[in-house]
Amino acid sequence: MTYILPRAFIVLVGWGITCALIYNIWPGVDPTIFVIAGISWILAGFVCFGYMYRLRSETEDQRSSF
């Protein structure tokens, strides 16, 4: 749980900032756009943090092989 919570907070803040910027630029926006922005942030979070986790585990495997 300590691994997931900080990353979920980063994704949530990014989504909130994105929604605020969209609303400031286009006040009459359809709410579906906010859902699409949230889904894209979730997917980007999975890809980014999953890749970082994979790199970290590969680095630890290389260190243990010496």
PDB file of N, CA and C in Angstrom:
ATOM      1  N   MET A   1       0.813  -1.189   0.000  1.00  0.00           N
ATOM      2  CA  MET A   1       0.000   0.000   0.000  1.00  0.00           C
ATOM      3  C   MET A   1       0.860   1.258   0.000  1.00  0.00           C
ATOM      4  N   THR A   2       2.024   1.202   0.616  1.00  0.00           N
ATOM      5  CA  THR A   2       2.891   2.375   0.640  1.00  0.00           C
ATOM      6  C   THR A   2       3.448   2.671  -0.741  1.00  0.00           C
ATOM      7  N   TYR A   3       3.456   1.681  -1.622  1.00  0.00           N
ATOM      8  CA  TYR A   3       3.919   1.898  -2.986  1.00  0.00           C
ATOM      9  C   TYR A   3       2.838   2.577  -3.832  1.00  0.00           C
ATOM     10  N   ILE A   4       1.582   2.227  -3.616  1.00  0.00           N
ATOM     11  CA  ILE A   4       0.492   2.696  -4.471  1.00  0.00           C
ATOM     12  C   ILE A   4       0.001   4.097  -4.085  1.00  0.00           C
ATOM     13  N   LEU A   5      -0.107   4.401  -2.810  1.00  0.00           N
ATOM     14  CA  LEU A   5      -0.713   5.661  -2.396  1.00  0.00           C
ATOM     15  C   LEU A   5      -0.003   6.916  -2.898  1.00  0.00           C
ATOM     16  N   PRO A   6       1.315   7.037  -2.795  1.00  0.00           N
ATOM     17  CA  PRO A   6       1.941   8.258  -3.324  1.00  0.00           C
ATOM     18  C   PRO A   6       1.760   8.404  -4.824  1.00  0.00           C
ATOM     19  N   ARG A   7       1.806   7.294  -5.545  1.00  0.00           N
ATOM     20  CA  ARG A   7       1.635   7.361  -6.989  1.00  0.00           C
ATOM     21  C   ARG A   7       0.199   7.699  -7.361  1.00  0.00           C
ATOM     22  N   ALA A   8      -0.751   7.184  -6.633  1.00  0.00           N
ATOM     23  CA  ALA A   8      -2.153   7.531  -6.876  1.00  0.00           C
ATOM     24  C   ALA A   8      -2.386   9.008  -6.597  1.00  0.00           C
ATOM     25  N   PHE A   9      -1.734   9.543  -5.589  1.00  0.00           N
ATOM     26  CA  PHE A   9      -1.861  10.971  -5.276  1.00  0.00           C
ATOM     27  C   PHE A   9      -1.285  11.818  -6.409  1.00  0.00           C
ATOM     28  N   ILE A  10      -0.153  11.409  -6.977  1.00  0.00           N
ATOM     29  CA  ILE A  10       0.443  12.153  -8.089  1.00  0.00           C
ATOM     30  C   ILE A  10      -0.490  12.153  -9.289  1.00  0.00           C
ATOM     31  N   VAL A  11      -1.077  11.007  -9.601  1.00  0.00           N
ATOM     32  CA  VAL A  11      -2.012  10.916 -10.727  1.00  0.00           C
ATOM     33  C   VAL A  11      -3.254  11.755 -10.458  1.00  0.00           C
ATOM     34  N   LEU A  12      -3.756  11.725  -9.237  1.00  0.00           N
ATOM     35  CA  LEU A  12      -4.941  12.508  -8.885  1.00  0.00           C
ATOM     36  C   LEU A  12      -4.682  14.007  -8.989  1.00  0.00           C
ATOM     37  N   VAL A  13      -3.532  14.459  -8.529  1.00  0.00           N
ATOM     38  CA  VAL A  13      -3.185  15.876  -8.629  1.00  0.00           C
ATOM     39  C   VAL A  13      -3.031  16.277 -10.096  1.00  0.00           C
ATOM     40  N   GLY A  14      -2.381  15.440 -10.888  1.00  0.00           N
ATOM     41  CA  GLY A  14      -2.237  15.731 -12.313  1.00  0.00           C
ATOM     42  C   GLY A  14      -3.577  15.835 -13.015  1.00  0.00           C
ATOM     43  N   TRP A  15      -4.477  14.925 -12.673  1.00  0.00           N
ATOM     44  CA  TRP A  15      -5.820  14.965 -13.266  1.00  0.00           C
ATOM     45  C   TRP A  15      -6.558  16.234 -12.832  1.00  0.00           C
ATOM     46  N   GLY A  16      -6.449  16.591 -11.579  1.00  0.00           N
ATOM     47  CA  GLY A  16      -7.109  17.801 -11.086  1.00  0.00           C
ATOM     48  C   GLY A  16      -6.592  19.056 -11.765  1.00  0.00           C
ATOM     49  N   ILE A  17      -5.280  19.147 -11.936  1.00  0.00           N
ATOM     50  CA  ILE A  17      -4.700  20.307 -12.605  1.00  0.00           C
ATOM     51  C   ILE A  17      -5.142  20.349 -14.068  1.00  0.00           C
ATOM     52  N   THR A  18      -5.162  19.201 -14.709  1.00  0.00           N
ATOM     53  CA  THR A  18      -5.606  19.144 -16.095  1.00  0.00           C
ATOM     54  C   THR A  18      -7.064  19.580 -16.223  1.00  0.00           C
ATOM     55  N   CYS A  19      -7.905  19.107 -15.329  1.00  0.00           N
ATOM     56  CA  CYS A  19      -9.324  19.494 -15.369  1.00  0.00           C
ATOM     57  C   CYS A  19      -9.497  20.988 -15.100  1.00  0.00           C
ATOM     58  N   ALA A  20      -8.716  21.535 -14.182  1.00  0.00           N
ATOM     59  CA  ALA A  20      -8.797  22.974 -13.908  1.00  0.00           C
ATOM     60  C   ALA A  20      -8.370  23.794 -15.116  1.00  0.00           C
ATOM     61  N   LEU A  21      -7.311  23.366 -15.782  1.00  0.00           N
ATOM     62  CA  LEU A  21      -6.873  24.080 -16.979  1.00  0.00           C
ATOM     63  C   LEU A  21      -7.901  23.993 -18.099  1.00  0.00           C
ATOM     64  N   ILE A  22      -8.468  22.809 -18.286  1.00  0.00           N
ATOM     65  CA  ILE A  22      -9.504  22.651 -19.317  1.00  0.00           C
ATOM     66  C   ILE A  22     -10.691  23.545 -19.005  1.00  0.00           C
ATOM     67  N   TYR A  23     -11.116  23.583 -17.743  1.00  0.00           N
ATOM     68  CA  TYR A  23     -12.279  24.388 -17.372  1.00  0.00           C
ATOM     69  C   TYR A  23     -11.997  25.881 -17.520  1.00  0.00           C
ATOM     70  N   ASN A  24     -10.765  26.308 -17.215  1.00  0.00           N
ATOM     71  CA  ASN A  24     -10.431  27.729 -17.364  1.00  0.00           C
ATOM     72  C   ASN A  24     -10.357  28.150 -18.819  1.00  0.00           C
ATOM     73  N   ILE A  25      -9.921  27.252 -19.684  1.00  0.00           N
ATOM     74  CA  ILE A  25      -9.813  27.571 -21.102  1.00  0.00           C
ATOM     75  C   ILE A  25     -11.165  27.470 -21.794  1.00  0.00           C
ATOM     76  N   TRP A  26     -11.967  26.485 -21.387  1.00  0.00           N
ATOM     77  CA  TRP A  26     -13.230  26.198 -22.071  1.00  0.00           C
ATOM     78  C   TRP A  26     -14.304  25.927 -21.022  1.00  0.00           C
ATOM     79  N   PRO A  27     -14.942  26.985 -20.494  1.00  0.00           N
ATOM     80  CA  PRO A  27     -15.911  26.825 -19.393  1.00  0.00           C
ATOM     81  C   PRO A  27     -17.143  25.978 -19.742  1.00  0.00           C
ATOM     82  N   GLY A  28     -17.552  25.942 -20.977  1.00  0.00           N
ATOM     83  CA  GLY A  28     -18.741  25.187 -21.357  1.00  0.00           C
ATOM     84  C   GLY A  28     -18.435  23.778 -21.818  1.00  0.00           C
ATOM     85  N   VAL A  29     -17.383  23.192 -21.295  1.00  0.00           N
ATOM     86  CA  VAL A  29     -16.940  21.886 -21.749  1.00  0.00           C
ATOM     87  C   VAL A  29     -17.902  20.781 -21.297  1.00  0.00           C
ATOM     88  N   ASP A  30     -17.995  19.756 -22.131  1.00  0.00           N
ATOM     89  CA  ASP A  30     -18.816  18.591 -21.813  1.00  0.00           C
ATOM     90  C   ASP A  30     -18.120  17.781 -20.706  1.00  0.00           C
ATOM     91  N   PRO A  31     -18.845  17.301 -19.700  1.00  0.00           N
ATOM     92  CA  PRO A  31     -18.214  16.523 -18.615  1.00  0.00           C
ATOM     93  C   PRO A  31     -17.496  15.254 -19.069  1.00  0.00           C
ATOM     94  N   THR A  32     -17.829  14.772 -20.238  1.00  0.00           N
ATOM     95  CA  THR A  32     -17.154  13.592 -20.758  1.00  0.00           C
ATOM     96  C   THR A  32     -15.654  13.848 -20.959  1.00  0.00           C
ATOM     97  N   ILE A  33     -15.296  15.064 -21.260  1.00  0.00           N
ATOM     98  CA  ILE A  33     -13.888  15.417 -21.463  1.00  0.00           C
ATOM     99  C   ILE A  33     -13.098  15.195 -20.181  1.00  0.00           C
ATOM    100  N   PHE A  34     -13.700  15.493 -19.029  1.00  0.00           N
ATOM    101  CA  PHE A  34     -13.018  15.287 -17.752  1.00  0.00           C
ATOM    102  C   PHE A  34     -12.810  13.797 -17.470  1.00  0.00           C
ATOM    103  N   VAL A  35     -13.765  12.987 -17.869  1.00  0.00           N
ATOM    104  CA  VAL A  35     -13.629  11.537 -17.715  1.00  0.00           C
ATOM    105  C   VAL A  35     -12.513  11.014 -18.618  1.00  0.00           C
ATOM    106  N   ILE A  36     -12.468  11.508 -19.842  1.00  0.00           N
ATOM    107  CA  ILE A  36     -11.409  11.102 -20.771  1.00  0.00           C
ATOM    108  C   ILE A  36     -10.043  11.531 -20.239  1.00  0.00           C
ATOM    109  N   ALA A  37      -9.965  12.738 -19.681  1.00  0.00           N
ATOM    110  CA  ALA A  37      -8.700  13.199 -19.096  1.00  0.00           C
ATOM    111  C   ALA A  37      -8.299  12.302 -17.922  1.00  0.00           C
ATOM    112  N   GLY A  38      -9.251  11.908 -17.100  1.00  0.00           N
ATOM    113  CA  GLY A  38      -8.953  11.025 -15.971  1.00  0.00           C
ATOM    114  C   GLY A  38      -8.468   9.659 -16.425  1.00  0.00           C
ATOM    115  N   ILE A  39      -9.119   9.107 -17.440  1.00  0.00           N
ATOM    116  CA  ILE A  39      -8.711   7.802 -17.961  1.00  0.00           C
ATOM    117  C   ILE A  39      -7.302   7.877 -18.544  1.00  0.00           C
ATOM    118  N   SER A  40      -7.010   8.965 -19.254  1.00  0.00           N
ATOM    119  CA  SER A  40      -5.668   9.091 -19.825  1.00  0.00           C
ATOM    120  C   SER A  40      -4.614   9.238 -18.735  1.00  0.00           C
ATOM    121  N   TRP A  41      -4.933   9.937 -17.641  1.00  0.00           N
ATOM    122  CA  TRP A  41      -3.984  10.044 -16.528  1.00  0.00           C
ATOM    123  C   TRP A  41      -3.780   8.696 -15.840  1.00  0.00           C
ATOM    124  N   ILE A  42      -4.835   7.930 -15.706  1.00  0.00           N
ATOM    125  CA  ILE A  42      -4.709   6.606 -15.086  1.00  0.00           C
ATOM    126  C   ILE A  42      -3.825   5.695 -15.940  1.00  0.00           C
ATOM    127  N   LEU A  43      -4.072   5.688 -17.244  1.00  0.00           N
ATOM    128  CA  LEU A  43      -3.253   4.866 -18.132  1.00  0.00           C
ATOM    129  C   LEU A  43      -1.795   5.320 -18.127  1.00  0.00           C
ATOM    130  N   ALA A  44      -1.581   6.622 -18.168  1.00  0.00           N
ATOM    131  CA  ALA A  44      -0.208   7.139 -18.130  1.00  0.00           C
ATOM    132  C   ALA A  44       0.464   6.791 -16.806  1.00  0.00           C
ATOM    133  N   GLY A  45      -0.275   6.830 -15.705  1.00  0.00           N
ATOM    134  CA  GLY A  45       0.282   6.456 -14.413  1.00  0.00           C
ATOM    135  C   GLY A  45       0.685   4.996 -14.368  1.00  0.00           C
ATOM    136  N   PHE A  46      -0.161   4.112 -14.888  1.00  0.00           N
ATOM    137  CA  PHE A  46       0.175   2.693 -14.935  1.00  0.00           C
ATOM    138  C   PHE A  46       1.421   2.448 -15.780  1.00  0.00           C
ATOM    139  N   VAL A  47       1.489   3.088 -16.929  1.00  0.00           N
ATOM    140  CA  VAL A  47       2.629   2.884 -17.811  1.00  0.00           C
ATOM    141  C   VAL A  47       3.905   3.428 -17.176  1.00  0.00           C
ATOM    142  N   CYS A  48       3.855   4.650 -16.704  1.00  0.00           N
ATOM    143  CA  CYS A  48       5.050   5.286 -16.143  1.00  0.00           C
ATOM    144  C   CYS A  48       5.544   4.575 -14.887  1.00  0.00           C
ATOM    145  N   PHE A  49       4.668   4.378 -13.931  1.00  0.00           N
ATOM    146  CA  PHE A  49       5.092   3.778 -12.672  1.00  0.00           C
ATOM    147  C   PHE A  49       5.356   2.277 -12.814  1.00  0.00           C
ATOM    148  N   GLY A  50       4.670   1.630 -13.733  1.00  0.00           N
ATOM    149  CA  GLY A  50       4.975   0.231 -14.013  1.00  0.00           C
ATOM    150  C   GLY A  50       6.358   0.081 -14.626  1.00  0.00           C
ATOM    151  N   TYR A  51       6.711   0.987 -15.519  1.00  0.00           N
ATOM    152  CA  TYR A  51       8.034   0.967 -16.131  1.00  0.00           C
ATOM    153  C   TYR A  51       9.112   1.252 -15.084  1.00  0.00           C
ATOM    154  N   MET A  52       8.870   2.223 -14.220  1.00  0.00           N
ATOM    155  CA  MET A  52       9.841   2.524 -13.165  1.00  0.00           C
ATOM    156  C   MET A  52      10.020   1.331 -12.232  1.00  0.00           C
ATOM    157  N   TYR A  53       8.938   0.647 -11.910  1.00  0.00           N
ATOM    158  CA  TYR A  53       9.020  -0.540 -11.055  1.00  0.00           C
ATOM    159  C   TYR A  53       9.827  -1.643 -11.730  1.00  0.00           C
ATOM    160  N   ARG A  54       9.592  -1.813 -13.023  1.00  0.00           N
ATOM    161  CA  ARG A  54      10.326  -2.836 -13.768  1.00  0.00           C
ATOM    162  C   ARG A  54      11.814  -2.517 -13.823  1.00  0.00           C
ATOM    163  N   LEU A  55      12.158  -1.252 -14.065  1.00  0.00           N
ATOM    164  CA  LEU A  55      13.567  -0.864 -14.084  1.00  0.00           C
ATOM    165  C   LEU A  55      14.225  -1.089 -12.724  1.00  0.00           C
ATOM    166  N   ARG A  56      13.494  -0.759 -11.667  1.00  0.00           N
ATOM    167  CA  ARG A  56      14.042  -0.950 -10.321  1.00  0.00           C
ATOM    168  C   ARG A  56      14.280  -2.431 -10.032  1.00  0.00           C
ATOM    169  N   SER A  57      13.346  -3.277 -10.419  1.00  0.00           N
ATOM    170  CA  SER A  57      13.523  -4.711 -10.164  1.00  0.00           C
ATOM    171  C   SER A  57      14.654  -5.290 -11.010  1.00  0.00           C
ATOM    172  N   GLU A  58      14.818  -4.816 -12.256  1.00  0.00           N
ATOM    173  CA  GLU A  58      15.920  -5.284 -13.087  1.00  0.00           C
ATOM    174  C   GLU A  58      17.264  -4.834 -12.516  1.00  0.00           C
ATOM    175  N   THR A  59      17.322  -3.629 -11.978  1.00  0.00           N
ATOM    176  CA  THR A  59      18.553  -3.137 -11.369  1.00  0.00           C
ATOM    177  C   THR A  59      18.915  -3.962 -10.151  1.00  0.00           C
ATOM    178  N   GLU A  60      17.923  -4.296  -9.338  1.00  0.00           N
ATOM    179  CA  GLU A  60      18.179  -5.118  -8.155  1.00  0.00           C
ATOM    180  C   GLU A  60      18.626  -6.521  -8.557  1.00  0.00           C
ATOM    181  N   ASP A  61      18.079  -7.062  -9.649  1.00  0.00           N
ATOM    182  CA  ASP A  61      18.502  -8.373 -10.124  1.00  0.00           C
ATOM    183  C   ASP A  61      19.949  -8.349 -10.604  1.00  0.00           C
ATOM    184  N   GLN A  62      20.342  -7.277 -11.261  1.00  0.00           N
ATOM    185  CA  GLN A  62      21.718  -7.162 -11.724  1.00  0.00           C
ATOM    186  C   GLN A  62      22.690  -7.018 -10.558  1.00  0.00           C
ATOM    187  N   ARG A  63      22.279  -6.283  -9.536  1.00  0.00           N
ATOM    188  CA  ARG A  63      23.146  -6.113  -8.368  1.00  0.00           C
ATOM    189  C   ARG A  63      23.316  -7.429  -7.613  1.00  0.00           C
ATOM    190  N   SER A  64      22.268  -8.216  -7.557  1.00  0.00           N
ATOM    191  CA  SER A  64      22.351  -9.481  -6.814  1.00  0.00           C
ATOM    192  C   SER A  64      23.149 -10.543  -7.576  1.00  0.00           C
ATOM    193  N   SER A  65      23.332 -10.376  -8.873  1.00  0.00           N
ATOM    194  CA  SER A  65      24.069 -11.365  -9.641  1.00  0.00           C
ATOM    195  C   SER A  65      25.577 -11.218  -9.481  1.00  0.00           C
ATOM    196  N   PHE A  66      26.039 -10.081  -8.950  1.00  0.00           N
ATOM    197  CA  PHE A  66      27.492  -9.892  -8.758  1.00  0.00           C
ATOM    198  C   PHE A  66      27.972 -10.589  -7.536  1.00  0.00           C
TER     199      PHE A  66
END
